[in-house]
Every structure is written in C-alpha cells, then in structure tokens.
Amino acid sequence: MNPFPEERRTMRRFDMRLPATIRLGTADEFQTETQNVSARGVFFYVDRPLAPGTRVDVILTFPPHVTLTDSVRVRFTARVIRTETPSPSARIGTAAMIEDYEFLRSDGTSDFFTALQRQWKAKH
C-alpha cells in the first residue's frame, strides 16, 4: 500500500476559513464556515450528514485581502461528492463540486456581470 496516495485534484485548493450560508432546497438554510475553496469545489462543515449527490447552494463573501479590491459575494450551486466525520461529536466535513456560480450584489440579487455572463453562455 502506497503511504502517499496519489493526488487526484486538478485545481489548487486555497485554505480559507470563510463564513458561509448553506441552502438545501428553498426552506432549509444554516450558517457555517469553509475549510478550503478551489475553482471547482468547496469544503465546508455541517451538523448533519448530506448524501452524495445532494444539491446545495453556498453563499460566500470573499474579503478584500483575497480579492485585492472590495468584498465580493458569490453564490455557488454545488453537489455533495463526499463527507468526512472525524469523531462522533464533531461537525461533518462536506466536499462539494461547484457546478455553477454567480456574483451577488450586497442585497443578495445577481449583478449585471452575472446576467451578462449567463446570456453569453446561452448563446455559445
């Protein structure tokens, strides 16, 4: 058995403990934090197990020291790909693959750039 398992990730992960809002469907929403974020995925903690394939919406605010400008709010649509439970009393680590994203204005609605980006994707 190889003591150093092969790294399968293709995108660099950034260790970022950011506050996050997780939405399951339209009614179930809770606050948590991320452990890391990449261009294709996000790892966060929850207090309940989520089955692989579960669709979640994740809203993050990237602070100015990350964006090198103003804070940026982003909503990710993602699917759970795996969970990790370190001990019976700890929160459950959840890895989710990002399928889509949009930038949000401070009031939570999509911004002009996101609307323009969606129109471009639809045409091409």
Protein backbone atom coordinates (compact mmCIF):
# COMPACT_ATOMS: atom_id res chain seq x y z
CA MET A 1 0.00 0.00 0.00
CA ASN A 2 1.34 3.40 -1.00
CA PRO A 3 1.86 5.62 2.10
CA PHE A 4 1.44 8.70 -0.12
CA PRO A 5 -1.83 8.39 -2.01
CA GLU A 6 -1.91 9.95 -5.44
CA GLU A 7 -3.32 13.47 -5.51
CA ARG A 8 -6.34 13.46 -7.82
CA ARG A 9 -7.22 17.14 -7.59
CA THR A 10 -6.54 19.16 -10.71
CA MET A 11 -7.21 22.61 -9.25
CA ARG A 12 -5.29 24.29 -6.46
CA ARG A 13 -7.13 24.49 -3.14
CA PHE A 14 -6.93 27.62 -1.03
CA ASP A 15 -7.25 27.20 2.71
CA MET A 16 -9.87 29.80 3.52
CA ARG A 17 -12.00 29.79 6.60
CA LEU A 18 -14.84 31.97 5.42
CA PRO A 19 -18.34 32.34 6.80
CA ALA A 20 -20.81 30.58 4.53
CA THR A 21 -24.54 30.20 4.17
CA ILE A 22 -25.67 26.76 3.01
CA ARG A 23 -29.11 26.28 1.47
CA LEU A 24 -30.76 22.90 0.98
CA GLY A 25 -33.81 23.43 -1.19
CA THR A 26 -35.88 26.53 -0.53
CA ALA A 27 -36.54 26.31 3.20
CA ASP A 28 -33.50 24.78 4.91
CA GLU A 29 -30.67 27.30 5.45
CA PHE A 30 -27.87 27.45 8.01
CA GLN A 31 -24.61 29.25 8.74
CA THR A 32 -21.23 27.51 8.74
CA GLU A 33 -17.65 28.06 7.56
CA THR A 34 -15.47 26.74 4.78
CA GLN A 35 -12.17 24.96 5.23
CA ASN A 36 -10.97 25.42 1.66
CA VAL A 37 -12.13 26.59 -1.76
CA SER A 38 -10.91 25.87 -5.30
CA ALA A 39 -12.19 26.80 -8.74
CA ARG A 40 -14.13 23.52 -8.86
CA GLY A 41 -15.03 22.78 -5.28
CA VAL A 42 -15.66 23.87 -1.72
CA PHE A 43 -15.19 22.07 1.60
CA PHE A 44 -17.39 23.15 4.50
CA TYR A 45 -18.76 21.88 7.80
CA VAL A 46 -22.34 20.96 8.66
CA ASP A 47 -24.08 19.43 11.65
CA ARG A 48 -25.85 16.71 9.67
CA PRO A 49 -24.85 14.20 7.03
CA LEU A 50 -25.56 15.13 3.42
CA ALA A 51 -25.84 12.29 0.92
CA PRO A 52 -23.56 12.32 -2.12
CA GLY A 53 -25.41 13.95 -5.00
CA THR A 54 -27.30 16.38 -2.75
CA ARG A 55 -27.62 19.80 -4.40
CA VAL A 56 -26.61 22.74 -2.21
CA ASP A 57 -26.34 26.48 -2.67
CA VAL A 58 -23.34 28.03 -0.93
CA ILE A 59 -23.05 31.79 -0.46
CA LEU A 60 -19.60 33.14 0.42
CA THR A 61 -18.15 36.60 0.81
CA PHE A 62 -14.55 36.85 -0.30
CA PRO A 63 -12.88 39.59 1.77
CA PRO A 64 -10.78 42.44 0.33
CA HIS A 65 -7.46 40.77 1.24
CA VAL A 66 -8.43 37.89 -1.11
CA THR A 67 -9.97 39.92 -3.95
CA LEU A 68 -7.49 42.82 -3.68
CA THR A 69 -10.50 45.13 -4.13
CA ASP A 70 -13.89 45.30 -2.41
CA SER A 71 -15.54 42.29 -0.79
CA VAL A 72 -17.21 40.01 -3.35
CA ARG A 73 -20.27 37.85 -2.62
CA VAL A 74 -20.63 34.68 -4.68
CA ARG A 75 -23.36 32.02 -4.79
CA PHE A 76 -22.22 28.53 -5.83
CA THR A 77 -24.54 25.79 -6.94
CA ALA A 78 -22.77 22.56 -5.98
CA ARG A 79 -23.28 18.82 -5.48
CA VAL A 80 -22.00 16.92 -2.48
CA ILE A 81 -19.34 14.39 -3.51
CA ARG A 82 -18.18 13.10 -0.10
CA THR A 83 -18.35 13.64 3.64
CA GLU A 84 -15.87 13.14 6.48
CA THR A 85 -16.77 12.60 10.13
CA PRO A 86 -13.64 12.93 12.30
CA SER A 87 -15.37 11.94 15.57
CA PRO A 88 -18.93 11.32 16.78
CA SER A 89 -19.27 14.74 18.40
CA ALA A 90 -17.64 16.85 15.67
CA ARG A 91 -19.22 18.59 12.73
CA ILE A 92 -19.28 16.76 9.40
CA GLY A 93 -16.82 17.90 6.75
CA THR A 94 -18.51 18.08 3.36
CA ALA A 95 -16.84 18.29 -0.06
CA ALA A 96 -18.98 19.66 -2.87
CA MET A 97 -18.21 20.09 -6.56
CA ILE A 98 -19.15 23.52 -7.92
CA GLU A 99 -21.43 23.29 -10.95
CA ASP A 100 -22.29 26.96 -11.42
CA TYR A 101 -21.74 30.31 -9.73
CA GLU A 102 -22.94 33.87 -9.81
CA PHE A 103 -21.72 37.12 -8.32
CA LEU A 104 -24.17 38.86 -5.98
CA ARG A 105 -24.80 42.47 -5.10
CA SER A 106 -24.89 43.38 -1.43
CA ASP A 107 -28.69 42.93 -1.40
CA GLY A 108 -28.30 39.28 -2.49
CA THR A 109 -29.53 39.67 -6.07
CA SER A 110 -27.48 38.83 -9.16
CA ASP A 111 -25.35 41.61 -10.53
CA PHE A 112 -25.16 42.90 -14.10
CA PHE A 113 -21.95 40.98 -14.83
CA THR A 114 -23.58 37.69 -13.88
CA ALA A 115 -26.63 38.37 -16.05
CA LEU A 116 -24.38 39.23 -18.99
CA GLN A 117 -22.28 36.10 -18.38
CA ARG A 118 -25.40 33.87 -18.43
CA GLN A 119 -26.58 35.41 -21.70
CA TRP A 120 -23.17 34.78 -23.25
CA LYS A 121 -23.15 31.14 -22.06
CA ALA A 122 -26.63 30.59 -23.52
CA LYS A 123 -25.55 31.87 -26.95
CA HIS A 124 -22.27 29.91 -27.14
